Amino acid sequence: MEFFEVLRKRRSVRRFQDRPVPRELVEKLLEAAFLSPSSFNKRPWHFIVVDDGEKLKALSEAKLGASGLATAPLVIVVTADEGRSDVWVEDASIAAEHIQLAAFDIGLSAFWVQIRNRMHDESKTAEDYVKELLGIPENYRVLCIIGVGYPAEKKPPRENVTEWGKVSLNGFGREFRRGEDEA
């Protein structure tokens, strides 16, 4: 699929078919993550692939808004070693986006569940909940969980999402005019 077609047609899907994701496709998703750039090529990330039904159910309870993970046959938990890079959030975010774009390109769907800076309940962060559940070391931070699978719903492509009013030229508030070079 052509890259801009992937960008236009990819949508977050939170309901999946009861169908496992073949190992070769999981490896493709991880390869896409490994191909993502990182600051000074430090590659601070670590990915945890989860396909165990009980763990998927438990992850779906990590925070409000994570319930779609219960129908996903596969999740990829995106973590990073914060001691390895001061921009681990950015590096891991780029890798997570690569996973989502690759999923759509190979016929799957995906969605992002934010874990960092979210709460599981009044006394525990979603990050601590996930770390305890999956045995993640203290020096690793949990950015997000990507739910992946074959979609059980179809969403239309995005239409008219360009927001040229949110683009400035050579300084904030200077209008960027499409199709015109700066005078």
N, C-alpha and C. Protein backbone atom coordinates (compact mmCIF):
# COMPACT_ATOMS: atom_id res chain seq x y z
N MET A 1 0.85 -1.17 0.00
CA MET A 1 0.00 0.00 0.00
C MET A 1 0.90 1.24 0.00
N GLU A 2 0.49 2.24 -0.72
CA GLU A 2 1.24 3.49 -0.79
C GLU A 2 1.16 4.22 0.55
N PHE A 3 2.23 4.89 0.97
CA PHE A 3 2.34 5.46 2.30
C PHE A 3 1.21 6.43 2.65
N PHE A 4 0.90 7.36 1.77
CA PHE A 4 -0.15 8.33 2.08
C PHE A 4 -1.53 7.68 2.12
N GLU A 5 -1.70 6.59 1.40
CA GLU A 5 -2.95 5.84 1.50
C GLU A 5 -3.07 5.21 2.90
N VAL A 6 -1.97 4.68 3.42
CA VAL A 6 -1.96 4.14 4.79
C VAL A 6 -2.34 5.24 5.78
N LEU A 7 -1.75 6.41 5.62
CA LEU A 7 -2.03 7.52 6.55
C LEU A 7 -3.50 7.94 6.49
N ARG A 8 -4.07 7.97 5.30
CA ARG A 8 -5.46 8.41 5.16
C ARG A 8 -6.46 7.36 5.66
N LYS A 9 -6.15 6.09 5.43
CA LYS A 9 -7.12 5.04 5.73
C LYS A 9 -6.97 4.42 7.11
N ARG A 10 -5.82 4.54 7.73
CA ARG A 10 -5.62 3.93 9.05
C ARG A 10 -6.49 4.62 10.09
N ARG A 11 -7.22 3.84 10.83
CA ARG A 11 -8.07 4.36 11.91
C ARG A 11 -7.88 3.45 13.12
N SER A 12 -8.05 4.01 14.30
CA SER A 12 -7.97 3.19 15.50
C SER A 12 -9.20 2.30 15.60
N VAL A 13 -8.97 1.02 15.80
CA VAL A 13 -10.03 0.03 15.93
C VAL A 13 -9.89 -0.61 17.30
N ARG A 14 -11.01 -0.73 18.01
CA ARG A 14 -10.98 -1.27 19.37
C ARG A 14 -11.78 -2.56 19.52
N ARG A 15 -12.28 -3.08 18.42
CA ARG A 15 -12.98 -4.37 18.44
C ARG A 15 -12.34 -5.26 17.39
N PHE A 16 -11.98 -6.46 17.82
CA PHE A 16 -11.23 -7.36 16.95
C PHE A 16 -11.92 -8.70 16.79
N GLN A 17 -11.62 -9.36 15.67
CA GLN A 17 -12.10 -10.72 15.43
C GLN A 17 -11.38 -11.67 16.39
N ASP A 18 -12.03 -12.76 16.70
CA ASP A 18 -11.43 -13.79 17.54
C ASP A 18 -10.55 -14.66 16.64
N ARG A 19 -9.40 -14.13 16.30
CA ARG A 19 -8.50 -14.76 15.34
C ARG A 19 -7.07 -14.37 15.71
N PRO A 20 -6.21 -15.34 15.94
CA PRO A 20 -4.83 -15.01 16.34
C PRO A 20 -4.06 -14.32 15.22
N VAL A 21 -3.08 -13.54 15.63
CA VAL A 21 -2.18 -12.89 14.67
C VAL A 21 -0.99 -13.82 14.46
N PRO A 22 -0.75 -14.25 13.22
CA PRO A 22 0.38 -15.17 12.96
C PRO A 22 1.72 -14.57 13.38
N ARG A 23 2.59 -15.44 13.84
CA ARG A 23 3.91 -15.02 14.34
C ARG A 23 4.67 -14.19 13.30
N GLU A 24 4.57 -14.55 12.02
CA GLU A 24 5.33 -13.78 11.02
C GLU A 24 4.84 -12.33 10.92
N LEU A 25 3.56 -12.10 11.18
CA LEU A 25 3.05 -10.72 11.18
C LEU A 25 3.48 -9.98 12.45
N VAL A 26 3.53 -10.69 13.57
CA VAL A 26 4.03 -10.08 14.81
C VAL A 26 5.47 -9.64 14.60
N GLU A 27 6.25 -10.48 13.96
CA GLU A 27 7.65 -10.14 13.69
C GLU A 27 7.76 -8.93 12.78
N LYS A 28 6.86 -8.81 11.81
CA LYS A 28 6.84 -7.63 10.92
C LYS A 28 6.57 -6.36 11.72
N LEU A 29 5.62 -6.42 12.66
CA LEU A 29 5.32 -5.26 13.50
C LEU A 29 6.54 -4.85 14.31
N LEU A 30 7.22 -5.83 14.88
CA LEU A 30 8.41 -5.53 15.67
C LEU A 30 9.53 -4.99 14.80
N GLU A 31 9.66 -5.53 13.60
CA GLU A 31 10.67 -5.01 12.67
C GLU A 31 10.40 -3.54 12.36
N ALA A 32 9.12 -3.18 12.17
CA ALA A 32 8.77 -1.78 11.93
C ALA A 32 9.21 -0.92 13.10
N ALA A 33 9.00 -1.41 14.32
CA ALA A 33 9.43 -0.66 15.51
C ALA A 33 10.95 -0.51 15.54
N PHE A 34 11.66 -1.60 15.20
CA PHE A 34 13.12 -1.54 15.21
C PHE A 34 13.67 -0.57 14.17
N LEU A 35 12.90 -0.33 13.11
CA LEU A 35 13.32 0.59 12.06
C LEU A 35 13.08 2.05 12.40
N SER A 36 12.43 2.30 13.52
CA SER A 36 12.14 3.69 13.88
C SER A 36 13.42 4.39 14.35
N PRO A 37 13.49 5.68 14.09
CA PRO A 37 14.66 6.44 14.54
C PRO A 37 14.61 6.67 16.04
N SER A 38 15.78 6.90 16.62
CA SER A 38 15.86 7.27 18.03
C SER A 38 17.02 8.25 18.21
N SER A 39 16.92 9.05 19.23
CA SER A 39 17.94 10.05 19.50
C SER A 39 19.31 9.40 19.70
N PHE A 40 20.27 9.85 18.95
CA PHE A 40 21.63 9.32 18.99
C PHE A 40 21.67 7.80 18.82
N ASN A 41 20.63 7.26 18.18
CA ASN A 41 20.51 5.83 17.93
C ASN A 41 20.65 5.00 19.20
N LYS A 42 20.16 5.54 20.32
CA LYS A 42 20.27 4.84 21.60
C LYS A 42 19.26 3.70 21.74
N ARG A 43 18.17 3.75 20.99
CA ARG A 43 17.19 2.67 20.95
C ARG A 43 16.84 2.16 22.36
N PRO A 44 16.25 3.01 23.19
CA PRO A 44 16.02 2.65 24.59
C PRO A 44 14.83 1.72 24.83
N TRP A 45 14.13 1.37 23.79
CA TRP A 45 12.88 0.64 23.93
C TRP A 45 13.04 -0.84 24.25
N HIS A 46 11.98 -1.39 24.78
CA HIS A 46 11.83 -2.84 24.95
C HIS A 46 10.34 -3.12 24.76
N PHE A 47 10.02 -4.11 23.95
CA PHE A 47 8.63 -4.41 23.62
C PHE A 47 8.24 -5.74 24.26
N ILE A 48 7.06 -5.77 24.84
CA ILE A 48 6.55 -7.00 25.44
C ILE A 48 5.32 -7.41 24.64
N VAL A 49 5.41 -8.54 23.99
CA VAL A 49 4.30 -9.10 23.20
C VAL A 49 3.47 -9.96 24.14
N VAL A 50 2.18 -9.69 24.19
CA VAL A 50 1.29 -10.46 25.05
C VAL A 50 0.16 -11.04 24.21
N ASP A 51 0.00 -12.37 24.29
CA ASP A 51 -1.12 -13.02 23.61
C ASP A 51 -1.87 -13.98 24.53
N ASP A 52 -1.49 -14.02 25.79
CA ASP A 52 -2.15 -14.84 26.80
C ASP A 52 -3.47 -14.19 27.19
N GLY A 53 -4.57 -14.93 27.06
CA GLY A 53 -5.90 -14.39 27.31
C GLY A 53 -6.10 -13.77 28.68
N GLU A 54 -5.58 -14.41 29.72
CA GLU A 54 -5.74 -13.87 31.07
C GLU A 54 -4.99 -12.55 31.24
N LYS A 55 -3.80 -12.50 30.67
CA LYS A 55 -3.02 -11.26 30.76
C LYS A 55 -3.66 -10.15 29.93
N LEU A 56 -4.23 -10.52 28.78
CA LEU A 56 -4.93 -9.52 27.95
C LEU A 56 -6.10 -8.92 28.73
N LYS A 57 -6.85 -9.78 29.41
CA LYS A 57 -7.98 -9.31 30.21
C LYS A 57 -7.49 -8.39 31.32
N ALA A 58 -6.41 -8.78 32.00
CA ALA A 58 -5.87 -7.96 33.08
C ALA A 58 -5.37 -6.61 32.54
N LEU A 59 -4.72 -6.62 31.38
CA LEU A 59 -4.24 -5.37 30.78
C LEU A 59 -5.40 -4.46 30.41
N SER A 60 -6.54 -5.05 30.04
CA SER A 60 -7.70 -4.24 29.67
C SER A 60 -8.27 -3.49 30.88
N GLU A 61 -7.80 -3.84 32.07
CA GLU A 61 -8.24 -3.18 33.31
C GLU A 61 -7.18 -2.22 33.85
N ALA A 62 -6.15 -1.94 33.05
CA ALA A 62 -5.05 -1.09 33.49
C ALA A 62 -5.51 0.33 33.80
N LYS A 63 -6.49 0.80 33.05
CA LYS A 63 -6.99 2.17 33.23
C LYS A 63 -8.32 2.32 32.52
N LEU A 64 -9.02 3.36 32.81
CA LEU A 64 -10.24 3.68 32.10
C LEU A 64 -9.90 3.88 30.63
N GLY A 65 -10.66 3.28 29.74
CA GLY A 65 -10.41 3.42 28.31
C GLY A 65 -9.57 2.31 27.72
N ALA A 66 -9.17 1.33 28.52
CA ALA A 66 -8.34 0.23 28.03
C ALA A 66 -9.15 -1.02 27.71
N SER A 67 -10.47 -0.97 27.87
CA SER A 67 -11.29 -2.18 27.75
C SER A 67 -11.19 -2.86 26.39
N GLY A 68 -10.90 -2.12 25.34
CA GLY A 68 -10.74 -2.71 24.01
C GLY A 68 -9.64 -3.74 23.93
N LEU A 69 -8.70 -3.69 24.86
CA LEU A 69 -7.61 -4.67 24.87
C LEU A 69 -8.13 -6.07 25.14
N ALA A 70 -9.29 -6.19 25.78
CA ALA A 70 -9.85 -7.50 26.09
C ALA A 70 -10.25 -8.27 24.84
N THR A 71 -10.56 -7.56 23.74
CA THR A 71 -10.93 -8.25 22.50
C THR A 71 -9.75 -8.42 21.55
N ALA A 72 -8.62 -7.80 21.88
CA ALA A 72 -7.44 -7.91 21.03
C ALA A 72 -6.78 -9.27 21.24
N PRO A 73 -6.43 -9.95 20.15
CA PRO A 73 -5.73 -11.22 20.30
C PRO A 73 -4.25 -11.04 20.66
N LEU A 74 -3.78 -9.79 20.55
CA LEU A 74 -2.36 -9.50 20.74
C LEU A 74 -2.22 -8.06 21.21
N VAL A 75 -1.31 -7.83 22.14
CA VAL A 75 -0.92 -6.46 22.46
C VAL A 75 0.59 -6.39 22.48
N ILE A 76 1.07 -5.18 22.22
CA ILE A 76 2.49 -4.91 22.35
C ILE A 76 2.61 -3.78 23.36
N VAL A 77 3.27 -4.08 24.47
CA VAL A 77 3.50 -3.09 25.51
C VAL A 77 4.82 -2.40 25.17
N VAL A 78 4.76 -1.09 25.04
CA VAL A 78 5.94 -0.32 24.65
C VAL A 78 6.56 0.29 25.90
N THR A 79 7.78 -0.15 26.21
CA THR A 79 8.51 0.34 27.37
C THR A 79 9.85 0.89 26.90
N ALA A 80 10.51 1.60 27.80
CA ALA A 80 11.85 2.11 27.48
C ALA A 80 12.64 2.30 28.76
N ASP A 81 13.94 2.16 28.63
CA ASP A 81 14.87 2.36 29.74
C ASP A 81 15.15 3.86 29.84
N GLU A 82 14.57 4.50 30.87
CA GLU A 82 14.71 5.94 31.00
C GLU A 82 16.14 6.36 31.32
N GLY A 83 16.96 5.45 31.81
CA GLY A 83 18.36 5.76 32.07
C GLY A 83 19.21 5.76 30.82
N ARG A 84 18.70 5.17 29.78
CA ARG A 84 19.45 5.08 28.52
C ARG A 84 19.30 6.33 27.66
N SER A 85 18.16 7.02 27.83
CA SER A 85 17.91 8.20 27.00
C SER A 85 16.98 9.16 27.72
N ASP A 86 17.31 10.44 27.69
CA ASP A 86 16.43 11.44 28.32
C ASP A 86 15.22 11.75 27.44
N VAL A 87 15.23 11.25 26.23
CA VAL A 87 14.08 11.45 25.33
C VAL A 87 13.42 10.10 25.00
N TRP A 88 13.38 9.24 26.00
CA TRP A 88 12.78 7.92 25.82
C TRP A 88 11.33 8.01 25.40
N VAL A 89 10.60 9.02 25.90
CA VAL A 89 9.18 9.17 25.54
C VAL A 89 9.04 9.36 24.04
N GLU A 90 9.84 10.25 23.49
CA GLU A 90 9.78 10.52 22.05
C GLU A 90 10.20 9.29 21.24
N ASP A 91 11.31 8.68 21.65
CA ASP A 91 11.81 7.50 20.93
C ASP A 91 10.78 6.37 20.93
N ALA A 92 10.20 6.10 22.09
CA ALA A 92 9.22 5.02 22.20
C ALA A 92 7.93 5.38 21.46
N SER A 93 7.56 6.65 21.44
CA SER A 93 6.35 7.08 20.73
C SER A 93 6.49 6.86 19.23
N ILE A 94 7.66 7.17 18.70
CA ILE A 94 7.89 6.96 17.27
C ILE A 94 7.79 5.47 16.95
N ALA A 95 8.39 4.64 17.79
CA ALA A 95 8.32 3.18 17.57
C ALA A 95 6.88 2.70 17.64
N ALA A 96 6.10 3.22 18.59
CA ALA A 96 4.70 2.82 18.72
C ALA A 96 3.90 3.21 17.49
N GLU A 97 4.16 4.38 16.96
CA GLU A 97 3.46 4.81 15.74
C GLU A 97 3.85 3.94 14.55
N HIS A 98 5.12 3.57 14.46
CA HIS A 98 5.55 2.66 13.39
C HIS A 98 4.77 1.34 13.46
N ILE A 99 4.56 0.83 14.68
CA ILE A 99 3.81 -0.42 14.86
C ILE A 99 2.39 -0.25 14.32
N GLN A 100 1.75 0.85 14.66
CA GLN A 100 0.37 1.06 14.23
C GLN A 100 0.26 1.21 12.70
N LEU A 101 1.17 1.95 12.11
CA LEU A 101 1.14 2.11 10.65
C LEU A 101 1.44 0.78 9.95
N ALA A 102 2.40 0.04 10.46
CA ALA A 102 2.74 -1.26 9.88
C ALA A 102 1.56 -2.22 10.00
N ALA A 103 0.87 -2.19 11.13
CA ALA A 103 -0.29 -3.08 11.32
C ALA A 103 -1.30 -2.87 10.21
N PHE A 104 -1.63 -1.62 9.95
CA PHE A 104 -2.61 -1.34 8.90
C PHE A 104 -2.09 -1.79 7.53
N ASP A 105 -0.83 -1.53 7.27
CA ASP A 105 -0.24 -1.88 5.97
C ASP A 105 -0.29 -3.38 5.70
N ILE A 106 -0.23 -4.22 6.75
CA ILE A 106 -0.23 -5.68 6.55
C ILE A 106 -1.60 -6.31 6.82
N GLY A 107 -2.64 -5.47 6.87
CA GLY A 107 -4.00 -6.01 6.96
C GLY A 107 -4.56 -6.15 8.37
N LEU A 108 -3.88 -5.59 9.34
CA LEU A 108 -4.35 -5.63 10.72
C LEU A 108 -4.85 -4.24 11.12
N SER A 109 -5.36 -4.12 12.31
CA SER A 109 -5.73 -2.83 12.87
C SER A 109 -5.12 -2.74 14.25
N ALA A 110 -5.04 -1.51 14.76
CA ALA A 110 -4.41 -1.31 16.05
C ALA A 110 -4.96 -0.05 16.71
N PHE A 111 -4.74 0.04 18.02
CA PHE A 111 -5.04 1.27 18.74
C PHE A 111 -4.10 1.43 19.92
N TRP A 112 -3.90 2.66 20.32
CA TRP A 112 -2.97 3.06 21.37
C TRP A 112 -3.73 3.26 22.68
N VAL A 113 -3.22 2.70 23.76
CA VAL A 113 -3.73 2.95 25.10
C VAL A 113 -2.61 3.63 25.88
N GLN A 114 -2.82 4.88 26.22
CA GLN A 114 -1.82 5.64 26.99
C GLN A 114 -1.72 5.06 28.39
N ILE A 115 -0.51 4.79 28.85
CA ILE A 115 -0.29 4.29 30.20
C ILE A 115 0.48 5.31 31.03
N ARG A 116 1.51 5.90 30.46
CA ARG A 116 2.31 6.90 31.17
C ARG A 116 1.42 8.06 31.61
N ASN A 117 1.58 8.45 32.85
CA ASN A 117 0.84 9.57 33.45
C ASN A 117 -0.67 9.33 33.54
N ARG A 118 -1.09 8.05 33.63
CA ARG A 118 -2.49 7.72 33.82
C ARG A 118 -2.63 6.89 35.10
N MET A 119 -3.84 6.84 35.62
CA MET A 119 -4.09 6.13 36.88
C MET A 119 -4.88 4.84 36.62
N HIS A 120 -4.51 3.81 37.36
CA HIS A 120 -5.26 2.55 37.37
C HIS A 120 -6.48 2.71 38.28
N ASP A 121 -6.22 3.22 39.47
CA ASP A 121 -7.29 3.54 40.43
C ASP A 121 -6.79 4.71 41.27
N GLU A 122 -7.47 5.03 42.36
CA GLU A 122 -7.10 6.19 43.17
C GLU A 122 -5.73 6.07 43.82
N SER A 123 -5.24 4.85 43.99
CA SER A 123 -3.99 4.68 44.73
C SER A 123 -2.82 4.13 43.90
N LYS A 124 -3.07 3.74 42.66
CA LYS A 124 -2.00 3.12 41.87
C LYS A 124 -2.02 3.67 40.45
N THR A 125 -0.83 3.96 39.92
CA THR A 125 -0.75 4.41 38.54
C THR A 125 -0.97 3.22 37.59
N ALA A 126 -1.40 3.52 36.39
CA ALA A 126 -1.54 2.48 35.37
C ALA A 126 -0.18 1.86 35.07
N GLU A 127 0.85 2.68 35.11
CA GLU A 127 2.20 2.19 34.85
C GLU A 127 2.63 1.17 35.91
N ASP A 128 2.40 1.48 37.18
CA ASP A 128 2.75 0.52 38.23
C ASP A 128 1.95 -0.77 38.10
N TYR A 129 0.68 -0.65 37.74
CA TYR A 129 -0.17 -1.82 37.54
C TYR A 129 0.42 -2.73 36.45
N VAL A 130 0.77 -2.13 35.31
CA VAL A 130 1.32 -2.91 34.19
C VAL A 130 2.68 -3.48 34.55
N LYS A 131 3.51 -2.70 35.23
CA LYS A 131 4.84 -3.19 35.63
C LYS A 131 4.72 -4.41 36.54
N GLU A 132 3.82 -4.35 37.50
CA GLU A 132 3.62 -5.48 38.41
C GLU A 132 3.10 -6.70 37.66
N LEU A 133 2.14 -6.49 36.79
CA LEU A 133 1.53 -7.59 36.04
C LEU A 133 2.55 -8.31 35.15
N LEU A 134 3.44 -7.56 34.53
CA LEU A 134 4.36 -8.14 33.55
C LEU A 134 5.80 -8.26 34.04
N GLY A 135 6.06 -7.91 35.29
CA GLY A 135 7.40 -8.05 35.85
C GLY A 135 8.43 -7.14 35.20
N ILE A 136 8.04 -5.92 34.90
CA ILE A 136 8.93 -4.97 34.22
C ILE A 136 9.88 -4.35 35.25
N PRO A 137 11.18 -4.32 34.94
CA PRO A 137 12.16 -3.77 35.88
C PRO A 137 11.90 -2.28 36.19
N GLU A 138 12.36 -1.86 37.35
CA GLU A 138 12.14 -0.50 37.85
C GLU A 138 12.65 0.58 36.89
N ASN A 139 13.81 0.35 36.24
CA ASN A 139 14.39 1.39 35.38
C ASN A 139 13.68 1.52 34.03
N TYR A 140 12.72 0.65 33.75
CA TYR A 140 11.95 0.75 32.51
C TYR A 140 10.64 1.48 32.79
N ARG A 141 10.26 2.33 31.86
CA ARG A 141 9.00 3.06 31.95
C ARG A 141 8.04 2.48 30.91
N VAL A 142 6.77 2.50 31.23
CA VAL A 142 5.74 2.01 30.30
C VAL A 142 5.08 3.21 29.65
N LEU A 143 5.22 3.31 28.35
CA LEU A 143 4.62 4.41 27.61
C LEU A 143 3.17 4.12 27.26
N CYS A 144 2.95 2.97 26.59
CA CYS A 144 1.62 2.67 26.08
C CYS A 144 1.49 1.18 25.82
N ILE A 145 0.26 0.80 25.51
CA ILE A 145 -0.04 -0.55 25.07
C ILE A 145 -0.74 -0.41 23.72
N ILE A 146 -0.28 -1.17 22.74
CA ILE A 146 -0.89 -1.16 21.41
C ILE A 146 -1.70 -2.45 21.27
N GLY A 147 -3.01 -2.32 21.14
CA GLY A 147 -3.87 -3.47 20.85
C GLY A 147 -3.83 -3.74 19.36
N VAL A 148 -3.68 -5.01 18.97
CA VAL A 148 -3.51 -5.37 17.55
C VAL A 148 -4.36 -6.59 17.22
N GLY A 149 -4.93 -6.59 16.03
CA GLY A 149 -5.66 -7.76 15.56
C GLY A 149 -6.36 -7.50 14.25
N TYR A 150 -7.15 -8.48 13.84
CA TYR A 150 -7.97 -8.34 12.64
C TYR A 150 -9.23 -7.58 13.05
N PRO A 151 -9.56 -6.51 12.35
CA PRO A 151 -10.67 -5.66 12.79
C PRO A 151 -12.03 -6.36 12.72
N ALA A 152 -12.87 -6.07 13.72
CA ALA A 152 -14.26 -6.54 13.72
C ALA A 152 -15.19 -5.39 13.39
N GLU A 153 -14.61 -4.26 13.02
CA GLU A 153 -15.39 -3.09 12.60
C GLU A 153 -14.62 -2.41 11.48
N LYS A 154 -15.35 -1.73 10.62
CA LYS A 154 -14.71 -1.02 9.52
C LYS A 154 -15.04 0.46 9.66
N LYS A 155 -14.01 1.27 9.58
CA LYS A 155 -14.20 2.72 9.69
C LYS A 155 -13.82 3.36 8.36
N PRO A 156 -14.53 4.41 7.99
CA PRO A 156 -14.22 5.06 6.72
C PRO A 156 -12.90 5.81 6.79
N PRO A 157 -12.26 6.03 5.64
CA PRO A 157 -11.02 6.83 5.63
C PRO A 157 -11.28 8.24 6.13
N ARG A 158 -10.25 8.86 6.60
CA ARG A 158 -10.36 10.25 7.03
C ARG A 158 -10.54 11.15 5.80
N GLU A 159 -11.40 12.12 5.95
CA GLU A 159 -11.66 13.08 4.87
C GLU A 159 -11.36 14.48 5.38
N ASN A 160 -10.83 15.31 4.54
CA ASN A 160 -10.64 16.74 4.84
C ASN A 160 -10.04 16.98 6.23
N VAL A 161 -8.90 16.42 6.48
CA VAL A 161 -8.27 16.61 7.78
C VAL A 161 -7.17 17.67 7.75
N THR A 162 -6.96 18.26 6.60
CA THR A 162 -5.91 19.27 6.52
C THR A 162 -6.34 20.50 7.31
N GLU A 163 -5.40 21.04 8.05
CA GLU A 163 -5.65 22.20 8.90
C GLU A 163 -4.59 23.26 8.61
N TRP A 164 -4.67 23.80 7.42
CA TRP A 164 -3.64 24.75 6.99
C TRP A 164 -3.58 25.98 7.88
N GLY A 165 -4.64 26.31 8.59
CA GLY A 165 -4.63 27.43 9.52
C GLY A 165 -3.74 27.18 10.73
N LYS A 166 -3.31 25.94 10.91
CA LYS A 166 -2.41 25.59 12.02
C LYS A 166 -0.96 25.51 11.55
N VAL A 167 -0.68 26.14 10.42
CA VAL A 167 0.67 26.15 9.87
C VAL A 167 1.09 27.60 9.67
N SER A 168 2.27 27.94 10.15
CA SER A 168 2.82 29.28 9.96
C SER A 168 4.10 29.18 9.17
N LEU A 169 4.51 30.27 8.59
CA LEU A 169 5.73 30.32 7.79
C LEU A 169 6.70 31.32 8.40
N ASN A 170 7.85 30.84 8.80
CA ASN A 170 8.93 31.68 9.32
C ASN A 170 8.56 32.47 10.57
N GLY A 171 7.66 31.98 11.35
CA GLY A 171 7.26 32.61 12.60
C GLY A 171 5.80 32.34 12.87
N PHE A 172 5.45 32.21 14.14
CA PHE A 172 4.08 31.88 14.51
C PHE A 172 3.13 32.97 14.04
N GLY A 173 2.03 32.53 13.43
CA GLY A 173 1.00 33.48 12.99
C GLY A 173 1.20 34.05 11.60
N ARG A 174 2.34 33.78 10.97
CA ARG A 174 2.54 34.22 9.59
C ARG A 174 1.93 33.17 8.68
N GLU A 175 0.98 33.58 7.89
CA GLU A 175 0.20 32.65 7.09
C GLU A 175 1.07 31.86 6.11
N PHE A 176 0.84 30.58 6.10
CA PHE A 176 1.45 29.68 5.11
C PHE A 176 0.40 29.47 4.04
N ARG A 177 0.70 29.87 2.83
CA ARG A 177 -0.26 29.74 1.73
C ARG A 177 0.14 28.58 0.86
N ARG A 178 -0.77 27.65 0.72
CA ARG A 178 -0.51 26.49 -0.13
C ARG A 178 -0.30 26.91 -1.56
N GLY A 179 0.64 26.27 -2.21
CA GLY A 179 0.87 26.52 -3.63
C GLY A 179 1.61 27.81 -3.93
N GLU A 180 2.07 28.51 -2.89
CA GLU A 180 2.80 29.76 -3.11
C GLU A 180 4.16 29.69 -2.45
N ASP A 181 5.16 30.16 -3.14
CA ASP A 181 6.47 30.31 -2.52
C ASP A 181 6.47 31.63 -1.76
N GLU A 182 7.35 31.71 -0.76
CA GLU A 182 7.42 32.96 0.02
C GLU A 182 7.92 34.09 -0.89
N ALA A 183 7.27 35.25 -0.78
CA ALA A 183 7.64 36.40 -1.61
C ALA A 183 8.83 37.11 -1.03
